[in-house]
Amino acid sequence: DAQSTYNQFIKSFQNLITIAGTFSFIALALNLLVQYEELYQFLGFFIYFALSVTLAWIALQISRRLIRQTVISLVQRWFGEVSEVVLIFETLIYVIIIIVAGIIFAIGLRLNITAIIASLGISGVAIAFGAQQTVSRLFGTLEIYLDRPYRPGEYIRISFNPYDEDAYGRIESIGLRSTKIRMVA
């Protein structure tokens, strides 16, 4: 109901929302000083920095609460246990929130966002080539989590070597980087 939603989300963040509203109003009022470029740049740095940090903090707190209360319960209901995929999802959301806060800061200072995004894109391509194997393993792990071809506790037969006989073992755990199999003696 509306009262419990208000108590869970709005009331606990009421002070942060008030601070963000104050900084938003100050940022709007700062636009009256656009004709004084040096003063605008000096004050704008601090005001837009405080605004972007406050908005990011609110978004991080709300997303943390949503993930901890809803996403984890859904994962437990669907898969039985919470795995590292939830942590990856949570970290990805945090990174997106921080990037949006940086964009808000850059827009407030009237920086060339196209150049910033282009340089980040080039850096991202370089990092992606360097971390290609890690990223492919990460997607392989996500595929195992989503497809669920096997689960911890099940016995599987694996062919590690095409010239040798198959190995038979029990799945102990499925992690982000590895799957642990206890081989049958």
N, C-alpha and C. Protein backbone atom coordinates (compact mmCIF):
# COMPACT_ATOMS: atom_id res chain seq x y z
N ASP A 1 0.83 -1.19 0.00
CA ASP A 1 0.00 0.00 0.00
C ASP A 1 0.87 1.24 0.00
N ALA A 2 0.23 2.37 -0.15
CA ALA A 2 0.96 3.63 -0.31
C ALA A 2 1.69 4.03 0.98
N GLN A 3 1.08 3.79 2.12
CA GLN A 3 1.71 4.19 3.38
C GLN A 3 2.99 3.42 3.65
N SER A 4 2.99 2.10 3.42
CA SER A 4 4.21 1.32 3.66
C SER A 4 5.29 1.66 2.64
N THR A 5 4.90 1.93 1.39
CA THR A 5 5.87 2.35 0.38
C THR A 5 6.50 3.68 0.77
N TYR A 6 5.67 4.60 1.25
CA TYR A 6 6.19 5.89 1.71
C TYR A 6 7.16 5.70 2.88
N ASN A 7 6.79 4.88 3.84
CA ASN A 7 7.65 4.66 5.01
C ASN A 7 8.96 3.98 4.62
N GLN A 8 8.94 3.06 3.66
CA GLN A 8 10.15 2.34 3.27
C GLN A 8 11.09 3.17 2.42
N PHE A 9 10.55 3.92 1.48
CA PHE A 9 11.41 4.58 0.51
C PHE A 9 11.52 6.09 0.70
N ILE A 10 10.43 6.78 0.83
CA ILE A 10 10.48 8.23 0.86
C ILE A 10 10.91 8.75 2.24
N LYS A 11 10.32 8.23 3.30
CA LYS A 11 10.60 8.76 4.63
C LYS A 11 12.06 8.58 5.03
N SER A 12 12.65 7.43 4.70
CA SER A 12 14.04 7.19 5.07
C SER A 12 15.01 8.03 4.24
N PHE A 13 14.57 8.49 3.07
CA PHE A 13 15.43 9.31 2.21
C PHE A 13 14.99 10.76 2.19
N GLN A 14 14.14 11.17 3.12
CA GLN A 14 13.57 12.51 3.10
C GLN A 14 14.65 13.59 3.20
N ASN A 15 15.63 13.41 4.07
CA ASN A 15 16.69 14.42 4.20
C ASN A 15 17.53 14.51 2.93
N LEU A 16 17.87 13.36 2.34
CA LEU A 16 18.65 13.38 1.10
C LEU A 16 17.86 14.02 -0.05
N ILE A 17 16.57 13.76 -0.10
CA ILE A 17 15.74 14.36 -1.16
C ILE A 17 15.66 15.87 -0.96
N THR A 18 15.58 16.32 0.29
CA THR A 18 15.56 17.75 0.57
C THR A 18 16.87 18.41 0.15
N ILE A 19 17.99 17.77 0.46
CA ILE A 19 19.30 18.31 0.06
C ILE A 19 19.43 18.35 -1.46
N ALA A 20 18.99 17.28 -2.14
CA ALA A 20 19.07 17.26 -3.60
C ALA A 20 18.17 18.33 -4.21
N GLY A 21 17.00 18.54 -3.64
CA GLY A 21 16.11 19.60 -4.13
C GLY A 21 16.73 20.97 -3.93
N THR A 22 17.40 21.17 -2.80
CA THR A 22 18.07 22.45 -2.55
C THR A 22 19.17 22.69 -3.56
N PHE A 23 20.01 21.69 -3.79
CA PHE A 23 21.07 21.85 -4.77
C PHE A 23 20.51 22.05 -6.18
N SER A 24 19.41 21.40 -6.51
CA SER A 24 18.79 21.59 -7.83
C SER A 24 18.31 23.03 -7.98
N PHE A 25 17.69 23.56 -6.93
CA PHE A 25 17.23 24.95 -6.98
C PHE A 25 18.41 25.91 -7.11
N ILE A 26 19.48 25.65 -6.39
CA ILE A 26 20.67 26.51 -6.48
C ILE A 26 21.28 26.41 -7.88
N ALA A 27 21.29 25.21 -8.47
CA ALA A 27 21.82 25.04 -9.83
C ALA A 27 20.97 25.79 -10.84
N LEU A 28 19.66 25.78 -10.66
CA LEU A 28 18.80 26.56 -11.55
C LEU A 28 19.04 28.06 -11.37
N ALA A 29 19.21 28.49 -10.12
CA ALA A 29 19.47 29.90 -9.87
C ALA A 29 20.84 30.32 -10.40
N LEU A 30 21.76 29.37 -10.45
CA LEU A 30 23.10 29.67 -10.97
C LEU A 30 23.07 30.10 -12.43
N ASN A 31 22.04 29.66 -13.16
CA ASN A 31 21.93 30.02 -14.57
C ASN A 31 21.74 31.52 -14.76
N LEU A 32 21.38 32.25 -13.71
CA LEU A 32 21.28 33.70 -13.81
C LEU A 32 22.67 34.34 -13.92
N LEU A 33 23.70 33.57 -13.53
CA LEU A 33 25.07 34.09 -13.57
C LEU A 33 25.84 33.65 -14.81
N VAL A 34 25.16 33.16 -15.83
CA VAL A 34 25.83 32.66 -17.02
C VAL A 34 26.63 33.77 -17.71
N GLN A 35 26.13 34.98 -17.65
CA GLN A 35 26.83 36.08 -18.33
C GLN A 35 28.18 36.40 -17.68
N TYR A 36 28.36 36.01 -16.41
CA TYR A 36 29.64 36.18 -15.73
C TYR A 36 30.35 34.82 -15.77
N GLU A 37 31.04 34.56 -16.85
CA GLU A 37 31.58 33.22 -17.16
C GLU A 37 32.50 32.68 -16.07
N GLU A 38 33.43 33.48 -15.58
CA GLU A 38 34.39 32.99 -14.58
C GLU A 38 33.69 32.66 -13.26
N LEU A 39 32.78 33.52 -12.83
CA LEU A 39 32.04 33.25 -11.59
C LEU A 39 31.16 32.02 -11.75
N TYR A 40 30.53 31.90 -12.94
CA TYR A 40 29.69 30.73 -13.20
C TYR A 40 30.52 29.44 -13.15
N GLN A 41 31.68 29.43 -13.76
CA GLN A 41 32.53 28.24 -13.75
C GLN A 41 33.00 27.90 -12.34
N PHE A 42 33.38 28.93 -11.58
CA PHE A 42 33.87 28.69 -10.22
C PHE A 42 32.77 28.13 -9.32
N LEU A 43 31.63 28.81 -9.27
CA LEU A 43 30.54 28.34 -8.42
C LEU A 43 29.90 27.07 -8.98
N GLY A 44 29.82 26.99 -10.32
CA GLY A 44 29.20 25.84 -10.95
C GLY A 44 29.91 24.54 -10.64
N PHE A 45 31.24 24.59 -10.54
CA PHE A 45 31.98 23.38 -10.22
C PHE A 45 31.51 22.79 -8.89
N PHE A 46 31.43 23.63 -7.87
CA PHE A 46 31.05 23.14 -6.55
C PHE A 46 29.57 22.75 -6.47
N ILE A 47 28.73 23.56 -7.09
CA ILE A 47 27.29 23.29 -7.01
C ILE A 47 26.93 22.04 -7.79
N TYR A 48 27.42 21.91 -9.02
CA TYR A 48 27.08 20.72 -9.81
C TYR A 48 27.77 19.47 -9.27
N PHE A 49 28.93 19.64 -8.66
CA PHE A 49 29.57 18.49 -8.01
C PHE A 49 28.72 18.01 -6.84
N ALA A 50 28.28 18.95 -6.00
CA ALA A 50 27.44 18.57 -4.86
C ALA A 50 26.11 17.98 -5.33
N LEU A 51 25.53 18.54 -6.38
CA LEU A 51 24.27 18.02 -6.91
C LEU A 51 24.44 16.61 -7.46
N SER A 52 25.49 16.39 -8.24
CA SER A 52 25.68 15.06 -8.83
C SER A 52 26.01 14.02 -7.75
N VAL A 53 26.80 14.40 -6.76
CA VAL A 53 27.11 13.46 -5.67
C VAL A 53 25.86 13.13 -4.88
N THR A 54 25.04 14.13 -4.59
CA THR A 54 23.80 13.89 -3.84
C THR A 54 22.84 13.01 -4.61
N LEU A 55 22.65 13.30 -5.90
CA LEU A 55 21.75 12.47 -6.71
C LEU A 55 22.28 11.04 -6.83
N ALA A 56 23.59 10.90 -7.00
CA ALA A 56 24.18 9.55 -7.07
C ALA A 56 23.99 8.82 -5.75
N TRP A 57 24.17 9.51 -4.64
CA TRP A 57 24.01 8.87 -3.33
C TRP A 57 22.58 8.39 -3.12
N ILE A 58 21.61 9.22 -3.51
CA ILE A 58 20.20 8.81 -3.39
C ILE A 58 19.93 7.60 -4.27
N ALA A 59 20.39 7.64 -5.52
CA ALA A 59 20.16 6.52 -6.44
C ALA A 59 20.84 5.25 -5.94
N LEU A 60 22.05 5.36 -5.40
CA LEU A 60 22.74 4.19 -4.86
C LEU A 60 22.00 3.60 -3.68
N GLN A 61 21.51 4.44 -2.79
CA GLN A 61 20.79 3.94 -1.62
C GLN A 61 19.47 3.27 -2.01
N ILE A 62 18.75 3.89 -2.94
CA ILE A 62 17.48 3.31 -3.38
C ILE A 62 17.71 2.00 -4.12
N SER A 63 18.72 1.97 -5.01
CA SER A 63 18.98 0.73 -5.74
C SER A 63 19.46 -0.37 -4.81
N ARG A 64 20.28 -0.03 -3.82
CA ARG A 64 20.72 -1.03 -2.84
C ARG A 64 19.53 -1.61 -2.09
N ARG A 65 18.63 -0.75 -1.67
CA ARG A 65 17.45 -1.23 -0.93
C ARG A 65 16.57 -2.09 -1.82
N LEU A 66 16.36 -1.67 -3.08
CA LEU A 66 15.54 -2.47 -3.99
C LEU A 66 16.18 -3.83 -4.27
N ILE A 67 17.48 -3.83 -4.50
CA ILE A 67 18.16 -5.09 -4.80
C ILE A 67 18.11 -6.01 -3.60
N ARG A 68 18.37 -5.48 -2.43
CA ARG A 68 18.40 -6.32 -1.23
C ARG A 68 17.02 -6.83 -0.86
N GLN A 69 15.97 -6.05 -1.10
CA GLN A 69 14.63 -6.47 -0.68
C GLN A 69 13.88 -7.26 -1.73
N THR A 70 14.05 -6.91 -3.01
CA THR A 70 13.24 -7.57 -4.03
C THR A 70 14.02 -8.54 -4.89
N VAL A 71 15.14 -8.11 -5.43
CA VAL A 71 15.88 -8.95 -6.37
C VAL A 71 16.40 -10.20 -5.68
N ILE A 72 16.96 -10.05 -4.49
CA ILE A 72 17.50 -11.22 -3.79
C ILE A 72 16.40 -12.20 -3.43
N SER A 73 15.22 -11.71 -3.03
CA SER A 73 14.13 -12.64 -2.73
C SER A 73 13.64 -13.34 -3.98
N LEU A 74 13.62 -12.64 -5.14
CA LEU A 74 13.24 -13.29 -6.39
C LEU A 74 14.26 -14.36 -6.80
N VAL A 75 15.54 -14.06 -6.65
CA VAL A 75 16.58 -15.03 -7.00
C VAL A 75 16.48 -16.25 -6.08
N GLN A 76 16.24 -16.03 -4.80
CA GLN A 76 16.09 -17.15 -3.88
C GLN A 76 14.88 -17.99 -4.24
N ARG A 77 13.80 -17.36 -4.66
CA ARG A 77 12.60 -18.10 -5.02
C ARG A 77 12.81 -18.90 -6.30
N TRP A 78 13.52 -18.32 -7.30
CA TRP A 78 13.70 -18.99 -8.58
C TRP A 78 14.81 -20.03 -8.55
N PHE A 79 15.95 -19.70 -7.95
CA PHE A 79 17.13 -20.57 -8.03
C PHE A 79 17.48 -21.24 -6.72
N GLY A 80 16.88 -20.83 -5.62
CA GLY A 80 17.14 -21.49 -4.36
C GLY A 80 18.25 -20.86 -3.53
N GLU A 81 19.22 -20.26 -4.18
CA GLU A 81 20.32 -19.63 -3.45
C GLU A 81 20.77 -18.39 -4.21
N VAL A 82 21.32 -17.46 -3.47
CA VAL A 82 21.81 -16.22 -4.07
C VAL A 82 23.25 -16.47 -4.50
N SER A 83 23.55 -16.13 -5.73
CA SER A 83 24.88 -16.39 -6.27
C SER A 83 25.59 -15.07 -6.56
N GLU A 84 26.76 -15.19 -7.14
CA GLU A 84 27.56 -14.02 -7.45
C GLU A 84 26.98 -13.20 -8.59
N VAL A 85 26.03 -13.74 -9.34
CA VAL A 85 25.43 -13.00 -10.44
C VAL A 85 24.69 -11.78 -9.89
N VAL A 86 24.09 -11.91 -8.73
CA VAL A 86 23.41 -10.77 -8.11
C VAL A 86 24.41 -9.68 -7.77
N LEU A 87 25.60 -10.08 -7.31
CA LEU A 87 26.64 -9.10 -7.00
C LEU A 87 27.11 -8.39 -8.27
N ILE A 88 27.22 -9.12 -9.37
CA ILE A 88 27.61 -8.50 -10.64
C ILE A 88 26.54 -7.52 -11.09
N PHE A 89 25.28 -7.93 -10.97
CA PHE A 89 24.16 -7.07 -11.34
C PHE A 89 24.16 -5.80 -10.49
N GLU A 90 24.38 -5.95 -9.20
CA GLU A 90 24.40 -4.81 -8.29
C GLU A 90 25.56 -3.87 -8.62
N THR A 91 26.73 -4.42 -8.89
CA THR A 91 27.88 -3.60 -9.24
C THR A 91 27.67 -2.88 -10.56
N LEU A 92 27.06 -3.55 -11.53
CA LEU A 92 26.77 -2.92 -12.82
C LEU A 92 25.82 -1.74 -12.65
N ILE A 93 24.83 -1.89 -11.81
CA ILE A 93 23.90 -0.78 -11.55
C ILE A 93 24.64 0.38 -10.89
N TYR A 94 25.53 0.09 -9.94
CA TYR A 94 26.30 1.15 -9.28
C TYR A 94 27.17 1.90 -10.28
N VAL A 95 27.80 1.17 -11.19
CA VAL A 95 28.65 1.81 -12.20
C VAL A 95 27.82 2.71 -13.10
N ILE A 96 26.64 2.25 -13.50
CA ILE A 96 25.77 3.06 -14.35
C ILE A 96 25.34 4.33 -13.62
N ILE A 97 25.01 4.22 -12.34
CA ILE A 97 24.61 5.40 -11.56
C ILE A 97 25.76 6.40 -11.47
N ILE A 98 26.97 5.92 -11.26
CA ILE A 98 28.12 6.82 -11.16
C ILE A 98 28.40 7.49 -12.51
N ILE A 99 28.23 6.76 -13.60
CA ILE A 99 28.42 7.35 -14.93
C ILE A 99 27.39 8.44 -15.18
N VAL A 100 26.13 8.19 -14.82
CA VAL A 100 25.08 9.20 -14.99
C VAL A 100 25.39 10.43 -14.14
N ALA A 101 25.89 10.23 -12.91
CA ALA A 101 26.26 11.37 -12.07
C ALA A 101 27.38 12.17 -12.71
N GLY A 102 28.35 11.51 -13.31
CA GLY A 102 29.42 12.21 -14.02
C GLY A 102 28.90 12.99 -15.21
N ILE A 103 27.92 12.44 -15.92
CA ILE A 103 27.33 13.15 -17.06
C ILE A 103 26.56 14.37 -16.58
N ILE A 104 25.85 14.24 -15.46
CA ILE A 104 25.15 15.41 -14.90
C ILE A 104 26.15 16.50 -14.55
N PHE A 105 27.25 16.12 -13.96
CA PHE A 105 28.29 17.08 -13.59
C PHE A 105 28.87 17.76 -14.84
N ALA A 106 29.13 16.98 -15.87
CA ALA A 106 29.70 17.53 -17.11
C ALA A 106 28.71 18.44 -17.82
N ILE A 107 27.44 18.09 -17.81
CA ILE A 107 26.43 18.94 -18.45
C ILE A 107 26.31 20.26 -17.70
N GLY A 108 26.36 20.20 -16.38
CA GLY A 108 26.26 21.42 -15.59
C GLY A 108 27.41 22.37 -15.85
N LEU A 109 28.60 21.85 -16.10
CA LEU A 109 29.76 22.70 -16.38
C LEU A 109 29.90 23.04 -17.86
N ARG A 110 28.96 22.54 -18.65
CA ARG A 110 28.95 22.78 -20.10
C ARG A 110 30.22 22.27 -20.77
N LEU A 111 30.62 21.08 -20.39
CA LEU A 111 31.77 20.43 -21.02
C LEU A 111 31.31 19.71 -22.28
N ASN A 112 32.23 19.43 -23.17
CA ASN A 112 31.92 18.74 -24.41
C ASN A 112 31.77 17.24 -24.11
N ILE A 113 30.54 16.82 -23.95
CA ILE A 113 30.25 15.43 -23.57
C ILE A 113 30.59 14.47 -24.69
N THR A 114 30.42 14.90 -25.93
CA THR A 114 30.73 14.03 -27.07
C THR A 114 32.20 13.63 -27.06
N ALA A 115 33.08 14.57 -26.78
CA ALA A 115 34.51 14.25 -26.73
C ALA A 115 34.83 13.33 -25.55
N ILE A 116 34.17 13.56 -24.43
CA ILE A 116 34.41 12.72 -23.25
C ILE A 116 33.95 11.28 -23.53
N ILE A 117 32.76 11.14 -24.12
CA ILE A 117 32.23 9.80 -24.41
C ILE A 117 33.07 9.11 -25.46
N ALA A 118 33.55 9.85 -26.45
CA ALA A 118 34.41 9.25 -27.49
C ALA A 118 35.71 8.75 -26.88
N SER A 119 36.30 9.52 -26.00
CA SER A 119 37.55 9.05 -25.37
C SER A 119 37.29 7.87 -24.46
N LEU A 120 36.15 7.86 -23.76
CA LEU A 120 35.81 6.69 -22.95
C LEU A 120 35.55 5.46 -23.82
N GLY A 121 34.95 5.69 -24.99
CA GLY A 121 34.70 4.58 -25.91
C GLY A 121 35.99 3.96 -26.42
N ILE A 122 36.95 4.81 -26.76
CA ILE A 122 38.24 4.30 -27.23
C ILE A 122 38.94 3.55 -26.10
N SER A 123 38.88 4.10 -24.89
CA SER A 123 39.48 3.41 -23.74
C SER A 123 38.77 2.09 -23.47
N GLY A 124 37.45 2.08 -23.64
CA GLY A 124 36.69 0.85 -23.43
C GLY A 124 37.05 -0.24 -24.42
N VAL A 125 37.28 0.14 -25.66
CA VAL A 125 37.69 -0.83 -26.69
C VAL A 125 39.05 -1.41 -26.34
N ALA A 126 39.97 -0.56 -25.90
CA ALA A 126 41.31 -1.04 -25.54
C ALA A 126 41.23 -2.00 -24.34
N ILE A 127 40.43 -1.66 -23.36
CA ILE A 127 40.28 -2.54 -22.20
C ILE A 127 39.59 -3.84 -22.60
N ALA A 128 38.61 -3.75 -23.49
CA ALA A 128 37.89 -4.96 -23.93
C ALA A 128 38.82 -5.93 -24.66
N PHE A 129 39.73 -5.40 -25.49
CA PHE A 129 40.69 -6.29 -26.15
C PHE A 129 41.63 -6.93 -25.14
N GLY A 130 42.02 -6.16 -24.14
CA GLY A 130 42.93 -6.71 -23.12
C GLY A 130 42.25 -7.74 -22.22
N ALA A 131 40.97 -7.57 -21.99
CA ALA A 131 40.25 -8.46 -21.07
C ALA A 131 39.30 -9.38 -21.82
N GLN A 132 39.65 -9.74 -23.03
CA GLN A 132 38.76 -10.54 -23.86
C GLN A 132 38.47 -11.91 -23.26
N GLN A 133 39.49 -12.59 -22.76
CA GLN A 133 39.27 -13.91 -22.17
C GLN A 133 38.45 -13.82 -20.89
N THR A 134 38.71 -12.81 -20.09
CA THR A 134 37.95 -12.65 -18.85
C THR A 134 36.49 -12.38 -19.15
N VAL A 135 36.23 -11.54 -20.14
CA VAL A 135 34.85 -11.23 -20.50
C VAL A 135 34.15 -12.47 -21.07
N SER A 136 34.86 -13.26 -21.87
CA SER A 136 34.24 -14.46 -22.42
C SER A 136 33.94 -15.47 -21.31
N ARG A 137 34.81 -15.58 -20.31
CA ARG A 137 34.53 -16.46 -19.17
C ARG A 137 33.34 -15.96 -18.38
N LEU A 138 33.24 -14.64 -18.22
CA LEU A 138 32.12 -14.06 -17.49
C LEU A 138 30.81 -14.37 -18.20
N PHE A 139 30.78 -14.21 -19.53
CA PHE A 139 29.57 -14.54 -20.27
C PHE A 139 29.27 -16.04 -20.24
N GLY A 140 30.31 -16.86 -20.23
CA GLY A 140 30.11 -18.31 -20.09
C GLY A 140 29.50 -18.65 -18.74
N THR A 141 29.95 -17.98 -17.70
CA THR A 141 29.39 -18.21 -16.37
C THR A 141 27.94 -17.75 -16.32
N LEU A 142 27.66 -16.59 -16.91
CA LEU A 142 26.27 -16.12 -16.94
C LEU A 142 25.38 -17.08 -17.72
N GLU A 143 25.93 -17.67 -18.78
CA GLU A 143 25.19 -18.66 -19.55
C GLU A 143 24.87 -19.89 -18.71
N ILE A 144 25.84 -20.32 -17.92
CA ILE A 144 25.60 -21.48 -17.04
C ILE A 144 24.54 -21.15 -16.00
N TYR A 145 24.61 -19.94 -15.44
CA TYR A 145 23.61 -19.55 -14.44
C TYR A 145 22.22 -19.45 -15.04
N LEU A 146 22.10 -18.88 -16.23
CA LEU A 146 20.79 -18.67 -16.81
C LEU A 146 20.21 -19.93 -17.44
N ASP A 147 21.04 -20.73 -18.13
CA ASP A 147 20.55 -21.95 -18.77
C ASP A 147 20.34 -23.08 -17.76
N ARG A 148 21.15 -23.10 -16.72
CA ARG A 148 21.09 -24.11 -15.67
C ARG A 148 21.17 -25.54 -16.22
N PRO A 149 22.21 -25.86 -17.05
CA PRO A 149 22.31 -27.22 -17.57
C PRO A 149 22.62 -28.22 -16.46
N TYR A 150 23.27 -27.75 -15.42
CA TYR A 150 23.51 -28.58 -14.24
C TYR A 150 23.58 -27.68 -13.02
N ARG A 151 23.37 -28.30 -11.86
CA ARG A 151 23.33 -27.56 -10.60
C ARG A 151 24.25 -28.22 -9.60
N PRO A 152 24.65 -27.49 -8.57
CA PRO A 152 25.47 -28.11 -7.53
C PRO A 152 24.75 -29.32 -6.92
N GLY A 153 25.50 -30.39 -6.74
CA GLY A 153 24.94 -31.63 -6.20
C GLY A 153 24.65 -32.67 -7.26
N GLU A 154 24.61 -32.28 -8.52
CA GLU A 154 24.34 -33.24 -9.60
C GLU A 154 25.64 -33.90 -10.04
N TYR A 155 25.50 -35.09 -10.58
CA TYR A 155 26.65 -35.82 -11.14
C TYR A 155 26.65 -35.64 -12.65
N ILE A 156 27.85 -35.39 -13.20
CA ILE A 156 27.97 -35.19 -14.64
C ILE A 156 29.14 -36.00 -15.17
N ARG A 157 29.13 -36.24 -16.46
CA ARG A 157 30.21 -36.92 -17.16
C ARG A 157 30.82 -35.91 -18.13
N ILE A 158 32.14 -35.73 -18.04
CA ILE A 158 32.85 -34.72 -18.83
C ILE A 158 33.98 -35.36 -19.59
N SER A 159 34.21 -34.85 -20.80
CA SER A 159 35.34 -35.31 -21.59
C SER A 159 36.38 -34.20 -21.62
N PHE A 160 37.39 -34.29 -20.75
CA PHE A 160 38.46 -33.31 -20.72
C PHE A 160 39.46 -33.54 -21.84
N ASN A 161 39.64 -34.79 -22.22
CA ASN A 161 40.62 -35.17 -23.23
C ASN A 161 39.91 -36.07 -24.24
N PRO A 162 39.91 -35.70 -25.52
CA PRO A 162 39.19 -36.53 -26.50
C PRO A 162 39.81 -37.90 -26.70
N TYR A 163 41.07 -38.09 -26.28
CA TYR A 163 41.74 -39.38 -26.48
C TYR A 163 41.68 -40.25 -25.24
N ASP A 164 41.12 -39.74 -24.17
CA ASP A 164 41.03 -40.48 -22.91
C ASP A 164 39.55 -40.71 -22.61
N GLU A 165 39.29 -41.55 -21.62
CA GLU A 165 37.90 -41.81 -21.28
C GLU A 165 37.30 -40.63 -20.51
N ASP A 166 35.98 -40.61 -20.45
CA ASP A 166 35.27 -39.51 -19.80
C ASP A 166 35.51 -39.53 -18.29
N ALA A 167 35.43 -38.34 -17.71
CA ALA A 167 35.53 -38.20 -16.25
C ALA A 167 34.12 -38.08 -15.69
N TYR A 168 33.93 -38.60 -14.48
CA TYR A 168 32.63 -38.60 -13.83
C TYR A 168 32.80 -37.94 -12.48
N GLY A 169 31.93 -36.95 -12.19
CA GLY A 169 32.09 -36.26 -10.92
C GLY A 169 30.83 -35.54 -10.49
N ARG A 170 30.89 -35.02 -9.27
CA ARG A 170 29.77 -34.31 -8.66
C ARG A 170 30.08 -32.82 -8.67
N ILE A 171 29.12 -31.99 -9.07
CA ILE A 171 29.27 -30.54 -9.07
C ILE A 171 29.23 -30.07 -7.62
N GLU A 172 30.33 -29.46 -7.17
CA GLU A 172 30.39 -28.93 -5.80
C GLU A 172 29.86 -27.51 -5.76
N SER A 173 30.33 -26.66 -6.66
CA SER A 173 29.87 -25.27 -6.68
C SER A 173 30.11 -24.68 -8.06
N ILE A 174 29.32 -23.65 -8.36
CA ILE A 174 29.47 -22.91 -9.59
C ILE A 174 29.79 -21.48 -9.19
N GLY A 175 30.99 -21.03 -9.53
CA GLY A 175 31.41 -19.68 -9.19
C GLY A 175 31.50 -18.80 -10.41
N LEU A 176 31.97 -17.58 -10.20
CA LEU A 176 32.10 -16.66 -11.32
C LEU A 176 33.20 -17.08 -12.28
N ARG A 177 34.26 -17.62 -11.75
CA ARG A 177 35.42 -17.95 -12.60
C ARG A 177 35.60 -19.44 -12.82
N SER A 178 34.97 -20.26 -11.99
CA SER A 178 35.21 -21.70 -12.13
C SER A 178 34.02 -22.50 -11.61
N THR A 179 33.97 -23.73 -12.07
CA THR A 179 33.01 -24.69 -11.56
C THR A 179 33.81 -25.80 -10.90
N LYS A 180 33.52 -26.08 -9.64
CA LYS A 180 34.28 -27.09 -8.91
C LYS A 180 33.57 -28.43 -9.00
N ILE A 181 34.35 -29.44 -9.44
CA ILE A 181 33.81 -30.79 -9.63
C ILE A 181 34.64 -31.74 -8.76
N ARG A 182 33.98 -32.52 -7.93
CA ARG A 182 34.66 -33.54 -7.14
C ARG A 182 34.59 -34.84 -7.94
N MET A 183 35.78 -35.29 -8.36
CA MET A 183 35.86 -36.47 -9.19
C MET A 183 35.60 -37.72 -8.36
N VAL A 184 34.90 -38.66 -8.97
CA VAL A 184 34.62 -39.93 -8.30
C VAL A 184 35.88 -40.80 -8.39
N ALA A 185 36.29 -41.33 -7.26
CA ALA A 185 37.51 -42.13 -7.22
C ALA A 185 37.28 -43.49 -7.84
